[in-house]
Amino acid sequence: MASSNGAAWLKAPKEHPLVVEPAPYPTPGDKEVIIKVGAIAVNPMDWIIQGLTNDLFSWLPYPYIGGTDASGTVVDVGSNVTKFRAGDRIVAFANCFAGHGAFQRYVAVHSSVAAPIPGNVSLVDAAVLPMGISSAAVGLYQKDMLALQYPTPDGAKPTGQTLLVWAGASSVGTNALQLAVASGYEVFTTASPRNFDYCRSLGAARVFDYKSPTVVTDIVAAFKGKTCAGALAVQSGTAEICGEIVSQIEGNKFVAMAETTPATMPEGVTAKALIANTIRESEVGAAIFDGFLPQALAKGQYQCQPPAVVVGEGLGAVQEALDRLRSGVASAQKLVVTL
């Protein structure tokens, strides 16, 4: 067991850069594991917390350790953890809002949102998954969201229904495409033309240019004769567009949206914001991190997407990754820091 820890701290609202300093070494709760972090990925939420803390996250305590996406090696387990042991390589969805952010050398993670990494997958590649797959899974499978049938590692039987995913090349979108296909759904999505083939490679049956002035009518026309399983609006500000589409087609008139801003929906259409952290308390966590992901990765049936791009090594590189992400240069890729 290591005797010391270190973290990239946000010590005050909007402080820049993050400060790399010692941190308390974590002790596992009864359902937690401690991992020595080998790779971490950054998400838009991470730079938003740093850059807009006073506006959106005024309740955050300081000093604060951010980050949700971590992969590494287990060094200790809680008393009720049986699925992992020291030495296992795992990927996990760290809970930065509970004092267990990923931007540190050792982190405690809940075993319900951790999965073993098979030998054919690197720590770097695995690190891109946690936030993306957790957000997508909450929107697709939770009973108060789209409530789709669960995926299987070899692919479920076709349901005869079609799902709309807005922003298929995003981190959440790439996971939503793969999960939905593995659950037996046909998937329509949107992307920029340069990412059409990329989305098709992840299972999308049809891809539409989200900037096209006729995108709504084009998607509605493509749904003719089909039954809609609902819509997942990944990109901020797109829930109302998805609502407009599902209001005109047959099927589930529900929009799961990855934003908290209330959206105005057409009559008969329901929209609800997905909260990725709720996966820890729902049956969805076990269904994905235990029942699906380990086997799907090992069989090569699930890809670690978007592709990882390593920004640098060490906690000092976390700030560079956040700055690059905020600048908007990370389209269809996930920025990773190795430790």
C-alpha atoms as a PDB file:
ATOM      1  CA  MET A   1       0.000   0.000   0.000  1.00  0.00           C
ATOM      2  CA  ALA A   2       1.296   3.431  -0.865  1.00  0.00           C
ATOM      3  CA  SER A   3       2.024   5.805   1.986  1.00  0.00           C
ATOM      4  CA  SER A   4       1.307   9.020   0.116  1.00  0.00           C
ATOM      5  CA  ASN A   5      -1.080  10.459  -2.416  1.00  0.00           C
ATOM      6  CA  GLY A   6      -1.193  13.549  -4.602  1.00  0.00           C
ATOM      7  CA  ALA A   7      -3.895  15.398  -6.513  1.00  0.00           C
ATOM      8  CA  ALA A   8      -4.577  18.226  -8.938  1.00  0.00           C
ATOM      9  CA  TRP A   9      -6.542  20.549  -6.648  1.00  0.00           C
ATOM     10  CA  LEU A  10      -8.999  23.305  -7.451  1.00  0.00           C
ATOM     11  CA  LYS A  11      -8.444  25.339  -4.305  1.00  0.00           C
ATOM     12  CA  ALA A  12     -10.845  28.197  -4.977  1.00  0.00           C
ATOM     13  CA  PRO A  13     -13.615  29.063  -7.451  1.00  0.00           C
ATOM     14  CA  LYS A  14     -12.269  29.627 -10.968  1.00  0.00           C
ATOM     15  CA  GLU A  15      -8.660  29.142  -9.862  1.00  0.00           C
ATOM     16  CA  HIS A  16      -6.296  28.521 -12.791  1.00  0.00           C
ATOM     17  CA  PRO A  17      -4.167  26.488 -13.046  1.00  0.00           C
ATOM     18  CA  LEU A  18      -4.976  23.520 -10.846  1.00  0.00           C
ATOM     19  CA  VAL A  19      -2.445  23.047  -8.058  1.00  0.00           C
ATOM     20  CA  VAL A  20      -0.631  19.710  -7.726  1.00  0.00           C
ATOM     21  CA  GLU A  21      -0.105  19.002  -4.031  1.00  0.00           C
ATOM     22  CA  PRO A  22      -0.281  16.089  -1.577  1.00  0.00           C
ATOM     23  CA  ALA A  23      -3.708  14.619  -0.823  1.00  0.00           C
ATOM     24  CA  PRO A  24      -5.038  12.270   1.860  1.00  0.00           C
ATOM     25  CA  TYR A  25      -4.571   8.611   1.059  1.00  0.00           C
ATOM     26  CA  PRO A  26      -8.071   7.106   0.663  1.00  0.00           C
ATOM     27  CA  THR A  27      -9.564   4.395   2.848  1.00  0.00           C
ATOM     28  CA  PRO A  28     -12.119   2.133   1.134  1.00  0.00           C
ATOM     29  CA  GLY A  29     -15.711   2.010   2.292  1.00  0.00           C
ATOM     30  CA  ASP A  30     -17.236  -1.457   2.549  1.00  0.00           C
ATOM     31  CA  LYS A  31     -18.343  -1.396  -1.108  1.00  0.00           C
ATOM     32  CA  GLU A  32     -15.396   0.577  -2.475  1.00  0.00           C
ATOM     33  CA  VAL A  33     -12.046  -0.253  -4.001  1.00  0.00           C
ATOM     34  CA  ILE A  34      -8.856   1.800  -4.038  1.00  0.00           C
ATOM     35  CA  ILE A  35      -7.127   2.047  -7.383  1.00  0.00           C
ATOM     36  CA  LYS A  36      -3.691   3.311  -8.268  1.00  0.00           C
ATOM     37  CA  VAL A  37      -4.666   5.505 -11.186  1.00  0.00           C
ATOM     38  CA  GLY A  38      -2.918   4.817 -14.479  1.00  0.00           C
ATOM     39  CA  ALA A  39      -4.958   7.030 -16.801  1.00  0.00           C
ATOM     40  CA  ILE A  40      -7.628   9.700 -16.459  1.00  0.00           C
ATOM     41  CA  ALA A  41      -9.840  11.308 -19.094  1.00  0.00           C
ATOM     42  CA  VAL A  42     -11.357  14.783 -18.966  1.00  0.00           C
ATOM     43  CA  ASN A  43     -14.942  15.776 -19.718  1.00  0.00           C
ATOM     44  CA  PRO A  44     -16.665  19.102 -20.436  1.00  0.00           C
ATOM     45  CA  MET A  45     -18.034  19.101 -16.893  1.00  0.00           C
ATOM     46  CA  ASP A  46     -14.475  19.298 -15.572  1.00  0.00           C
ATOM     47  CA  TRP A  47     -13.582  22.573 -17.270  1.00  0.00           C
ATOM     48  CA  ILE A  48     -17.075  23.945 -16.613  1.00  0.00           C
ATOM     49  CA  ILE A  49     -16.579  23.364 -12.887  1.00  0.00           C
ATOM     50  CA  GLN A  50     -13.238  25.151 -13.016  1.00  0.00           C
ATOM     51  CA  GLY A  51     -14.299  28.011 -15.265  1.00  0.00           C
ATOM     52  CA  LEU A  52     -17.901  28.600 -14.182  1.00  0.00           C
ATOM     53  CA  THR A  53     -17.916  27.412 -10.580  1.00  0.00           C
ATOM     54  CA  ASN A  54     -19.604  30.450  -9.055  1.00  0.00           C
ATOM     55  CA  ASP A  55     -22.393  30.347 -11.625  1.00  0.00           C
ATOM     56  CA  LEU A  56     -23.290  26.651 -11.754  1.00  0.00           C
ATOM     57  CA  PHE A  57     -21.578  24.888  -8.857  1.00  0.00           C
ATOM     58  CA  SER A  58     -21.732  27.379  -6.000  1.00  0.00           C
ATOM     59  CA  TRP A  59     -22.344  24.524  -3.560  1.00  0.00           C
ATOM     60  CA  LEU A  60     -18.989  22.818  -4.206  1.00  0.00           C
ATOM     61  CA  PRO A  61     -16.659  22.583  -1.200  1.00  0.00           C
ATOM     62  CA  TYR A  62     -13.054  23.718  -1.489  1.00  0.00           C
ATOM     63  CA  PRO A  63     -10.397  22.557  -1.907  1.00  0.00           C
ATOM     64  CA  TYR A  64     -11.859  20.249  -4.573  1.00  0.00           C
ATOM     65  CA  ILE A  65     -10.530  17.303  -6.600  1.00  0.00           C
ATOM     66  CA  GLY A  66     -12.326  16.881  -9.920  1.00  0.00           C
ATOM     67  CA  GLY A  67     -12.515  14.151 -12.515  1.00  0.00           C
ATOM     68  CA  THR A  68     -14.773  11.148 -13.073  1.00  0.00           C
ATOM     69  CA  ASP A  69     -12.993   8.912 -15.593  1.00  0.00           C
ATOM     70  CA  ALA A  70     -10.228   6.696 -14.208  1.00  0.00           C
ATOM     71  CA  SER A  71      -8.522   3.426 -14.982  1.00  0.00           C
ATOM     72  CA  GLY A  72      -5.810   1.722 -12.998  1.00  0.00           C
ATOM     73  CA  THR A  73      -4.815  -1.124 -10.715  1.00  0.00           C
ATOM     74  CA  VAL A  74      -6.632  -2.218  -7.566  1.00  0.00           C
ATOM     75  CA  VAL A  75      -4.529  -1.881  -4.408  1.00  0.00           C
ATOM     76  CA  ASP A  76      -7.192  -2.395  -1.716  1.00  0.00           C
ATOM     77  CA  VAL A  77     -10.843  -3.436  -1.432  1.00  0.00           C
ATOM     78  CA  GLY A  78     -13.646  -2.846   1.058  1.00  0.00           C
ATOM     79  CA  SER A  79     -15.019  -5.555   3.316  1.00  0.00           C
ATOM     80  CA  ASN A  80     -18.051  -6.288   1.105  1.00  0.00           C
ATOM     81  CA  VAL A  81     -16.254  -6.289  -2.244  1.00  0.00           C
ATOM     82  CA  THR A  82     -15.844  -9.745  -3.763  1.00  0.00           C
ATOM     83  CA  LYS A  83     -15.548  -9.099  -7.497  1.00  0.00           C
ATOM     84  CA  PHE A  84     -12.113  -7.410  -7.344  1.00  0.00           C
ATOM     85  CA  ARG A  85      -8.814  -8.070  -5.636  1.00  0.00           C
ATOM     86  CA  ALA A  86      -5.447  -6.346  -5.451  1.00  0.00           C
ATOM     87  CA  GLY A  87      -3.665  -6.369  -8.794  1.00  0.00           C
ATOM     88  CA  ASP A  88      -6.802  -6.286 -10.973  1.00  0.00           C
ATOM     89  CA  ARG A  89      -6.906  -3.703 -13.752  1.00  0.00           C
ATOM     90  CA  ILE A  90     -10.215  -1.845 -13.684  1.00  0.00           C
ATOM     91  CA  VAL A  91     -12.006   1.153 -15.143  1.00  0.00           C
ATOM     92  CA  ALA A  92     -14.296   3.152 -12.871  1.00  0.00           C
ATOM     93  CA  PHE A  93     -16.694   6.093 -12.671  1.00  0.00           C
ATOM     94  CA  ALA A  94     -15.233   8.210  -9.868  1.00  0.00           C
ATOM     95  CA  ASN A  95     -17.537  10.372  -7.757  1.00  0.00           C
ATOM     96  CA  CYS A  96     -15.958  13.821  -7.682  1.00  0.00           C
ATOM     97  CA  PHE A  97     -18.995  15.257  -5.890  1.00  0.00           C
ATOM     98  CA  ALA A  98     -18.434  12.944  -2.914  1.00  0.00           C
ATOM     99  CA  GLY A  99     -14.761  13.795  -2.407  1.00  0.00           C
ATOM    100  CA  HIS A 100     -13.481  11.002  -4.646  1.00  0.00           C
ATOM    101  CA  GLY A 101     -12.390  12.809  -7.810  1.00  0.00           C
ATOM    102  CA  ALA A 102     -10.230  11.039 -10.388  1.00  0.00           C
ATOM    103  CA  PHE A 103      -7.533  13.713 -10.600  1.00  0.00           C
ATOM    104  CA  GLN A 104      -5.297  12.006  -8.044  1.00  0.00           C
ATOM    105  CA  ARG A 105      -2.825   9.142  -7.843  1.00  0.00           C
ATOM    106  CA  TYR A 106      -5.020   6.938  -5.640  1.00  0.00           C
ATOM    107  CA  VAL A 107      -8.805   7.123  -5.584  1.00  0.00           C
ATOM    108  CA  ALA A 108     -11.673   5.290  -3.891  1.00  0.00           C
ATOM    109  CA  VAL A 109     -14.392   4.180  -6.317  1.00  0.00           C
ATOM    110  CA  HIS A 110     -17.688   2.381  -5.752  1.00  0.00           C
ATOM    111  CA  SER A 111     -17.532  -1.204  -6.968  1.00  0.00           C
ATOM    112  CA  SER A 112     -20.984  -0.947  -8.607  1.00  0.00           C
ATOM    113  CA  VAL A 113     -19.580   1.397 -11.268  1.00  0.00           C
ATOM    114  CA  ALA A 114     -16.285  -0.363 -11.885  1.00  0.00           C
ATOM    115  CA  ALA A 115     -15.465  -3.065 -14.403  1.00  0.00           C
ATOM    116  CA  PRO A 116     -12.440  -5.282 -15.039  1.00  0.00           C
ATOM    117  CA  ILE A 117     -10.323  -4.366 -18.045  1.00  0.00           C
ATOM    118  CA  PRO A 118      -9.578  -7.371 -20.285  1.00  0.00           C
ATOM    119  CA  GLY A 119      -6.069  -7.975 -21.575  1.00  0.00           C
ATOM    120  CA  ASN A 120      -6.928  -6.719 -25.055  1.00  0.00           C
ATOM    121  CA  VAL A 121      -7.706  -3.206 -23.752  1.00  0.00           C
ATOM    122  CA  SER A 122      -5.152  -0.673 -22.463  1.00  0.00           C
ATOM    123  CA  LEU A 123      -5.592   1.569 -19.428  1.00  0.00           C
ATOM    124  CA  VAL A 124      -5.474   4.593 -21.737  1.00  0.00           C
ATOM    125  CA  ASP A 125      -8.268   3.322 -23.956  1.00  0.00           C
ATOM    126  CA  ALA A 126     -10.432   2.191 -21.043  1.00  0.00           C
ATOM    127  CA  ALA A 127     -10.203   5.600 -19.363  1.00  0.00           C
ATOM    128  CA  VAL A 128     -12.417   7.200 -22.018  1.00  0.00           C
ATOM    129  CA  LEU A 129     -15.464   5.164 -20.980  1.00  0.00           C
ATOM    130  CA  PRO A 130     -16.901   5.961 -17.520  1.00  0.00           C
ATOM    131  CA  MET A 131     -18.741   9.279 -17.932  1.00  0.00           C
ATOM    132  CA  GLY A 132     -19.793   8.526 -21.502  1.00  0.00           C
ATOM    133  CA  ILE A 133     -21.156   5.054 -20.890  1.00  0.00           C
ATOM    134  CA  SER A 134     -22.743   6.018 -17.551  1.00  0.00           C
ATOM    135  CA  SER A 135     -24.568   9.010 -19.026  1.00  0.00           C
ATOM    136  CA  ALA A 136     -25.744   7.029 -22.034  1.00  0.00           C
ATOM    137  CA  ALA A 137     -26.864   4.096 -19.895  1.00  0.00           C
ATOM    138  CA  VAL A 138     -28.867   6.289 -17.523  1.00  0.00           C
ATOM    139  CA  GLY A 139     -30.683   7.925 -20.431  1.00  0.00           C
ATOM    140  CA  LEU A 140     -31.329   4.676 -22.264  1.00  0.00           C
ATOM    141  CA  TYR A 141     -32.159   2.219 -19.476  1.00  0.00           C
ATOM    142  CA  GLN A 142     -33.356   3.813 -16.264  1.00  0.00           C
ATOM    143  CA  LYS A 143     -37.040   3.224 -15.619  1.00  0.00           C
ATOM    144  CA  ASP A 144     -37.769   6.947 -15.397  1.00  0.00           C
ATOM    145  CA  MET A 145     -35.964   7.624 -18.678  1.00  0.00           C
ATOM    146  CA  LEU A 146     -36.274   5.717 -21.993  1.00  0.00           C
ATOM    147  CA  ALA A 147     -36.433   2.336 -20.204  1.00  0.00           C
ATOM    148  CA  LEU A 148     -35.020   0.369 -23.134  1.00  0.00           C
ATOM    149  CA  GLN A 149     -34.179  -3.314 -22.829  1.00  0.00           C
ATOM    150  CA  TYR A 150     -30.645  -4.027 -21.623  1.00  0.00           C
ATOM    151  CA  PRO A 151     -27.752  -4.846 -23.951  1.00  0.00           C
ATOM    152  CA  THR A 152     -26.141  -8.261 -24.194  1.00  0.00           C
ATOM    153  CA  PRO A 153     -22.455  -8.876 -24.996  1.00  0.00           C
ATOM    154  CA  ASP A 154     -23.325 -10.684 -28.229  1.00  0.00           C
ATOM    155  CA  GLY A 155     -26.148  -8.317 -29.190  1.00  0.00           C
ATOM    156  CA  ALA A 156     -29.824  -8.674 -28.317  1.00  0.00           C
ATOM    157  CA  LYS A 157     -32.491  -9.798 -30.757  1.00  0.00           C
ATOM    158  CA  PRO A 158     -33.890  -6.930 -32.867  1.00  0.00           C
ATOM    159  CA  THR A 159     -36.734  -5.104 -31.151  1.00  0.00           C
ATOM    160  CA  GLY A 160     -38.156  -3.645 -34.350  1.00  0.00           C
ATOM    161  CA  GLN A 161     -37.828  -0.150 -32.876  1.00  0.00           C
ATOM    162  CA  THR A 162     -35.618   2.776 -33.855  1.00  0.00           C
ATOM    163  CA  LEU A 163     -33.869   5.164 -31.462  1.00  0.00           C
ATOM    164  CA  LEU A 164     -32.820   8.733 -32.246  1.00  0.00           C
ATOM    165  CA  VAL A 165     -29.475   9.837 -30.767  1.00  0.00           C
ATOM    166  CA  TRP A 166     -28.554  13.476 -31.314  1.00  0.00           C
ATOM    167  CA  ALA A 167     -24.743  14.027 -31.522  1.00  0.00           C
ATOM    168  CA  GLY A 168     -23.551  10.511 -32.203  1.00  0.00           C
ATOM    169  CA  ALA A 169     -19.850  11.430 -32.413  1.00  0.00           C
ATOM    170  CA  SER A 170     -19.753  12.872 -28.887  1.00  0.00           C
ATOM    171  CA  SER A 171     -18.508  10.971 -25.848  1.00  0.00           C
ATOM    172  CA  VAL A 172     -22.030  10.132 -24.682  1.00  0.00           C
ATOM    173  CA  GLY A 173     -23.218   9.629 -28.244  1.00  0.00           C
ATOM    174  CA  THR A 174     -20.582   7.050 -29.199  1.00  0.00           C
ATOM    175  CA  ASN A 175     -21.532   4.994 -26.168  1.00  0.00           C
ATOM    176  CA  ALA A 176     -25.256   5.422 -26.777  1.00  0.00           C
ATOM    177  CA  LEU A 177     -24.900   4.154 -30.347  1.00  0.00           C
ATOM    178  CA  GLN A 178     -23.078   1.020 -29.257  1.00  0.00           C
ATOM    179  CA  LEU A 179     -25.318   0.315 -26.274  1.00  0.00           C
ATOM    180  CA  ALA A 180     -28.531   0.751 -28.244  1.00  0.00           C
ATOM    181  CA  VAL A 181     -27.363  -1.526 -31.056  1.00  0.00           C
ATOM    182  CA  ALA A 182     -26.292  -4.160 -28.498  1.00  0.00           C
ATOM    183  CA  SER A 183     -29.799  -3.842 -27.035  1.00  0.00           C
ATOM    184  CA  GLY A 184     -31.455  -4.693 -30.332  1.00  0.00           C
ATOM    185  CA  TYR A 185     -32.448  -1.223 -31.544  1.00  0.00           C
ATOM    186  CA  GLU A 186     -31.896   0.392 -34.905  1.00  0.00           C
ATOM    187  CA  VAL A 187     -30.270   3.791 -34.378  1.00  0.00           C
ATOM    188  CA  PHE A 188     -30.524   7.069 -36.278  1.00  0.00           C
ATOM    189  CA  THR A 189     -28.106   9.806 -35.276  1.00  0.00           C
ATOM    190  CA  THR A 190     -26.757  13.231 -36.192  1.00  0.00           C
ATOM    191  CA  ALA A 191     -23.179  14.378 -36.739  1.00  0.00           C
ATOM    192  CA  SER A 192     -21.057  16.591 -38.943  1.00  0.00           C
ATOM    193  CA  PRO A 193     -20.422  15.043 -42.383  1.00  0.00           C
ATOM    194  CA  ARG A 194     -16.779  14.297 -41.502  1.00  0.00           C
ATOM    195  CA  ASN A 195     -18.033  11.966 -38.744  1.00  0.00           C
ATOM    196  CA  PHE A 196     -20.699  10.125 -40.754  1.00  0.00           C
ATOM    197  CA  ASP A 197     -18.540   7.046 -41.384  1.00  0.00           C
ATOM    198  CA  TYR A 198     -17.347   7.078 -37.778  1.00  0.00           C
ATOM    199  CA  CYS A 199     -20.934   6.912 -36.501  1.00  0.00           C
ATOM    200  CA  ARG A 200     -21.779   4.158 -38.969  1.00  0.00           C
ATOM    201  CA  SER A 201     -18.785   2.161 -37.711  1.00  0.00           C
ATOM    202  CA  LEU A 202     -20.357   2.256 -34.246  1.00  0.00           C
ATOM    203  CA  GLY A 203     -23.647   0.876 -35.511  1.00  0.00           C
ATOM    204  CA  ALA A 204     -25.719   3.845 -36.676  1.00  0.00           C
ATOM    205  CA  ALA A 205     -28.095   2.841 -39.477  1.00  0.00           C
ATOM    206  CA  ARG A 206     -28.620   6.423 -40.679  1.00  0.00           C
ATOM    207  CA  VAL A 207     -26.605   9.584 -40.008  1.00  0.00           C
ATOM    208  CA  PHE A 208     -27.924  13.096 -40.643  1.00  0.00           C
ATOM    209  CA  ASP A 209     -26.085  16.406 -40.897  1.00  0.00           C
ATOM    210  CA  TYR A 210     -27.096  18.285 -37.763  1.00  0.00           C
ATOM    211  CA  LYS A 211     -26.438  21.622 -39.477  1.00  0.00           C
ATOM    212  CA  SER A 212     -28.709  20.912 -42.437  1.00  0.00           C
ATOM    213  CA  PRO A 213     -31.707  23.274 -42.620  1.00  0.00           C
ATOM    214  CA  THR A 214     -33.868  20.256 -43.459  1.00  0.00           C
ATOM    215  CA  VAL A 215     -32.550  17.950 -40.734  1.00  0.00           C
ATOM    216  CA  VAL A 216     -35.890  17.774 -38.891  1.00  0.00           C
ATOM    217  CA  THR A 217     -37.953  16.955 -41.970  1.00  0.00           C
ATOM    218  CA  ASP A 218     -35.266  14.529 -43.176  1.00  0.00           C
ATOM    219  CA  ILE A 219     -35.309  12.569 -39.928  1.00  0.00           C
ATOM    220  CA  VAL A 220     -39.108  12.570 -39.723  1.00  0.00           C
ATOM    221  CA  ALA A 221     -39.254  11.205 -43.278  1.00  0.00           C
ATOM    222  CA  ALA A 222     -36.715   8.486 -42.431  1.00  0.00           C
ATOM    223  CA  PHE A 223     -38.916   7.333 -39.534  1.00  0.00           C
ATOM    224  CA  LYS A 224     -41.893   6.727 -41.830  1.00  0.00           C
ATOM    225  CA  GLY A 225     -43.154   3.202 -41.220  1.00  0.00           C
ATOM    226  CA  LYS A 226     -40.969   2.779 -38.133  1.00  0.00           C
ATOM    227  CA  THR A 227     -41.681   2.776 -34.402  1.00  0.00           C
ATOM    228  CA  CYS A 228     -39.617   5.237 -32.398  1.00  0.00           C
ATOM    229  CA  ALA A 229     -38.060   4.078 -29.115  1.00  0.00           C
ATOM    230  CA  GLY A 230     -37.600   7.710 -28.074  1.00  0.00           C
ATOM    231  CA  ALA A 231     -34.743  10.180 -28.363  1.00  0.00           C
ATOM    232  CA  LEU A 232     -31.498  10.851 -26.511  1.00  0.00           C
ATOM    233  CA  ALA A 233     -30.499  14.511 -26.847  1.00  0.00           C
ATOM    234  CA  VAL A 234     -26.810  14.513 -26.009  1.00  0.00           C
ATOM    235  CA  GLN A 235     -25.818  17.971 -27.184  1.00  0.00           C
ATOM    236  CA  SER A 236     -26.819  21.019 -25.162  1.00  0.00           C
ATOM    237  CA  GLY A 237     -29.731  22.907 -26.672  1.00  0.00           C
ATOM    238  CA  THR A 238     -31.006  20.035 -28.834  1.00  0.00           C
ATOM    239  CA  ALA A 239     -33.753  18.576 -26.640  1.00  0.00           C
ATOM    240  CA  GLU A 240     -36.398  20.790 -28.220  1.00  0.00           C
ATOM    241  CA  ILE A 241     -35.349  19.731 -31.730  1.00  0.00           C
ATOM    242  CA  CYS A 242     -35.623  16.093 -30.689  1.00  0.00           C
ATOM    243  CA  GLY A 243     -39.014  16.839 -29.159  1.00  0.00           C
ATOM    244  CA  GLU A 244     -40.180  18.372 -32.421  1.00  0.00           C
ATOM    245  CA  ILE A 245     -39.114  15.222 -34.266  1.00  0.00           C
ATOM    246  CA  VAL A 246     -40.657  12.626 -31.947  1.00  0.00           C
ATOM    247  CA  SER A 247     -43.910  14.593 -31.848  1.00  0.00           C
ATOM    248  CA  GLN A 248     -44.340  13.838 -35.563  1.00  0.00           C
ATOM    249  CA  ILE A 249     -43.565  10.113 -35.593  1.00  0.00           C
ATOM    250  CA  GLU A 250     -45.047   6.935 -34.154  1.00  0.00           C
ATOM    251  CA  GLY A 251     -43.766   5.519 -30.902  1.00  0.00           C
ATOM    252  CA  ASN A 252     -42.339   6.654 -27.588  1.00  0.00           C
ATOM    253  CA  LYS A 253     -42.644  10.423 -27.301  1.00  0.00           C
ATOM    254  CA  PHE A 254     -39.927  10.812 -24.690  1.00  0.00           C
ATOM    255  CA  VAL A 255     -36.670  12.774 -24.837  1.00  0.00           C
ATOM    256  CA  ALA A 256     -33.860  11.934 -22.422  1.00  0.00           C
ATOM    257  CA  MET A 257     -31.611  14.976 -22.381  1.00  0.00           C
ATOM    258  CA  ALA A 258     -28.054  15.524 -21.174  1.00  0.00           C
ATOM    259  CA  GLU A 259     -28.733  19.055 -19.926  1.00  0.00           C
ATOM    260  CA  THR A 260     -30.518  20.482 -16.927  1.00  0.00           C
ATOM    261  CA  THR A 261     -32.023  23.558 -18.590  1.00  0.00           C
ATOM    262  CA  PRO A 262     -35.803  23.035 -18.890  1.00  0.00           C
ATOM    263  CA  ALA A 263     -36.923  22.411 -22.452  1.00  0.00           C
ATOM    264  CA  THR A 264     -40.252  23.373 -23.992  1.00  0.00           C
ATOM    265  CA  MET A 265     -41.787  20.300 -25.590  1.00  0.00           C
ATOM    266  CA  PRO A 266     -44.671  19.932 -28.047  1.00  0.00           C
ATOM    267  CA  GLU A 267     -47.936  18.683 -26.579  1.00  0.00           C
ATOM    268  CA  GLY A 268     -47.739  14.996 -25.782  1.00  0.00           C
ATOM    269  CA  VAL A 269     -43.924  14.880 -25.568  1.00  0.00           C
ATOM    270  CA  THR A 270     -42.074  14.425 -22.275  1.00  0.00           C
ATOM    271  CA  ALA A 271     -38.463  15.457 -21.644  1.00  0.00           C
ATOM    272  CA  LYS A 272     -36.312  14.716 -18.617  1.00  0.00           C
ATOM    273  CA  ALA A 273     -32.702  15.500 -17.759  1.00  0.00           C
ATOM    274  CA  LEU A 274     -30.444  12.521 -17.155  1.00  0.00           C
ATOM    275  CA  ILE A 275     -28.069  12.601 -14.190  1.00  0.00           C
ATOM    276  CA  ALA A 276     -25.130  10.262 -14.704  1.00  0.00           C
ATOM    277  CA  ASN A 277     -24.400   9.920 -10.978  1.00  0.00           C
ATOM    278  CA  THR A 278     -27.743   8.185 -10.397  1.00  0.00           C
ATOM    279  CA  ILE A 279     -26.332   5.064 -12.040  1.00  0.00           C
ATOM    280  CA  ARG A 280     -24.691   4.207  -8.707  1.00  0.00           C
ATOM    281  CA  GLU A 281     -28.037   3.821  -6.965  1.00  0.00           C
ATOM    282  CA  SER A 282     -29.958   2.075  -9.748  1.00  0.00           C
ATOM    283  CA  GLU A 283     -29.966  -1.417 -11.196  1.00  0.00           C
ATOM    284  CA  VAL A 284     -28.467   0.036 -14.374  1.00  0.00           C
ATOM    285  CA  GLY A 285     -24.991   0.177 -12.820  1.00  0.00           C
ATOM    286  CA  ALA A 286     -24.827  -3.572 -12.282  1.00  0.00           C
ATOM    287  CA  ALA A 287     -26.443  -4.298 -15.646  1.00  0.00           C
ATOM    288  CA  ILE A 288     -23.768  -2.327 -17.501  1.00  0.00           C
ATOM    289  CA  PHE A 289     -20.589  -2.594 -15.406  1.00  0.00           C
ATOM    290  CA  ASP A 290     -21.127  -6.239 -14.377  1.00  0.00           C
ATOM    291  CA  GLY A 291     -23.507  -7.833 -16.845  1.00  0.00           C
ATOM    292  CA  PHE A 292     -22.402  -6.242 -20.096  1.00  0.00           C
ATOM    293  CA  LEU A 293     -19.184  -4.251 -20.325  1.00  0.00           C
ATOM    294  CA  PRO A 294     -16.545  -6.785 -19.185  1.00  0.00           C
ATOM    295  CA  GLN A 295     -17.703  -9.475 -21.601  1.00  0.00           C
ATOM    296  CA  ALA A 296     -18.388  -7.072 -24.463  1.00  0.00           C
ATOM    297  CA  LEU A 297     -14.900  -5.566 -24.190  1.00  0.00           C
ATOM    298  CA  ALA A 298     -13.233  -8.978 -23.949  1.00  0.00           C
ATOM    299  CA  LYS A 299     -15.079 -10.208 -27.040  1.00  0.00           C
ATOM    300  CA  GLY A 300     -14.301  -7.059 -29.000  1.00  0.00           C
ATOM    301  CA  GLN A 301     -18.016  -6.323 -29.280  1.00  0.00           C
ATOM    302  CA  TYR A 302     -17.668  -2.921 -27.593  1.00  0.00           C
ATOM    303  CA  GLN A 303     -15.191  -0.204 -28.494  1.00  0.00           C
ATOM    304  CA  CYS A 304     -13.567   2.331 -26.168  1.00  0.00           C
ATOM    305  CA  GLN A 305     -14.789   5.469 -27.877  1.00  0.00           C
ATOM    306  CA  PRO A 306     -14.201   8.289 -28.656  1.00  0.00           C
ATOM    307  CA  PRO A 307     -10.527   7.496 -29.403  1.00  0.00           C
ATOM    308  CA  ALA A 308      -8.096   8.455 -26.654  1.00  0.00           C
ATOM    309  CA  VAL A 309      -5.575  11.213 -27.315  1.00  0.00           C
ATOM    310  CA  VAL A 310      -2.857  11.390 -24.660  1.00  0.00           C
ATOM    311  CA  VAL A 311      -2.126  15.002 -23.730  1.00  0.00           C
ATOM    312  CA  GLY A 312       0.692  14.326 -21.291  1.00  0.00           C
ATOM    313  CA  GLU A 313       1.919  12.438 -18.257  1.00  0.00           C
ATOM    314  CA  GLY A 314       1.488  13.356 -14.613  1.00  0.00           C
ATOM    315  CA  LEU A 315      -1.053  15.382 -12.678  1.00  0.00           C
ATOM    316  CA  GLY A 316       0.487  18.587 -13.988  1.00  0.00           C
ATOM    317  CA  ALA A 317      -0.852  17.725 -17.445  1.00  0.00           C
ATOM    318  CA  VAL A 318      -4.485  17.729 -16.292  1.00  0.00           C
ATOM    319  CA  GLN A 319      -4.728  21.500 -16.686  1.00  0.00           C
ATOM    320  CA  GLU A 320      -3.418  21.322 -20.256  1.00  0.00           C
ATOM    321  CA  ALA A 321      -6.057  18.713 -21.055  1.00  0.00           C
ATOM    322  CA  LEU A 322      -8.805  20.910 -19.593  1.00  0.00           C
ATOM    323  CA  ASP A 323      -7.584  23.940 -21.524  1.00  0.00           C
ATOM    324  CA  ARG A 324      -7.494  22.006 -24.784  1.00  0.00           C
ATOM    325  CA  LEU A 325     -10.965  20.611 -24.194  1.00  0.00           C
ATOM    326  CA  ARG A 326     -12.362  24.047 -23.421  1.00  0.00           C
ATOM    327  CA  SER A 327     -10.850  25.436 -26.638  1.00  0.00           C
ATOM    328  CA  GLY A 328     -13.006  23.029 -28.644  1.00  0.00           C
ATOM    329  CA  VAL A 329     -10.261  21.027 -30.362  1.00  0.00           C
ATOM    330  CA  ALA A 330     -11.426  17.618 -29.119  1.00  0.00           C
ATOM    331  CA  SER A 331     -14.112  16.687 -31.659  1.00  0.00           C
ATOM    332  CA  ALA A 332     -14.663  12.902 -31.843  1.00  0.00           C
ATOM    333  CA  GLN A 333     -11.804  12.258 -29.414  1.00  0.00           C
ATOM    334  CA  LYS A 334     -11.246  12.006 -25.663  1.00  0.00           C
ATOM    335  CA  LEU A 335      -8.300  13.724 -23.998  1.00  0.00           C
ATOM    336  CA  VAL A 336      -6.369  11.523 -21.577  1.00  0.00           C
ATOM    337  CA  VAL A 337      -3.564  12.048 -19.065  1.00  0.00           C
ATOM    338  CA  THR A 338      -1.392   9.138 -17.934  1.00  0.00           C
ATOM    339  CA  LEU A 339       0.054   8.774 -14.429  1.00  0.00           C
END
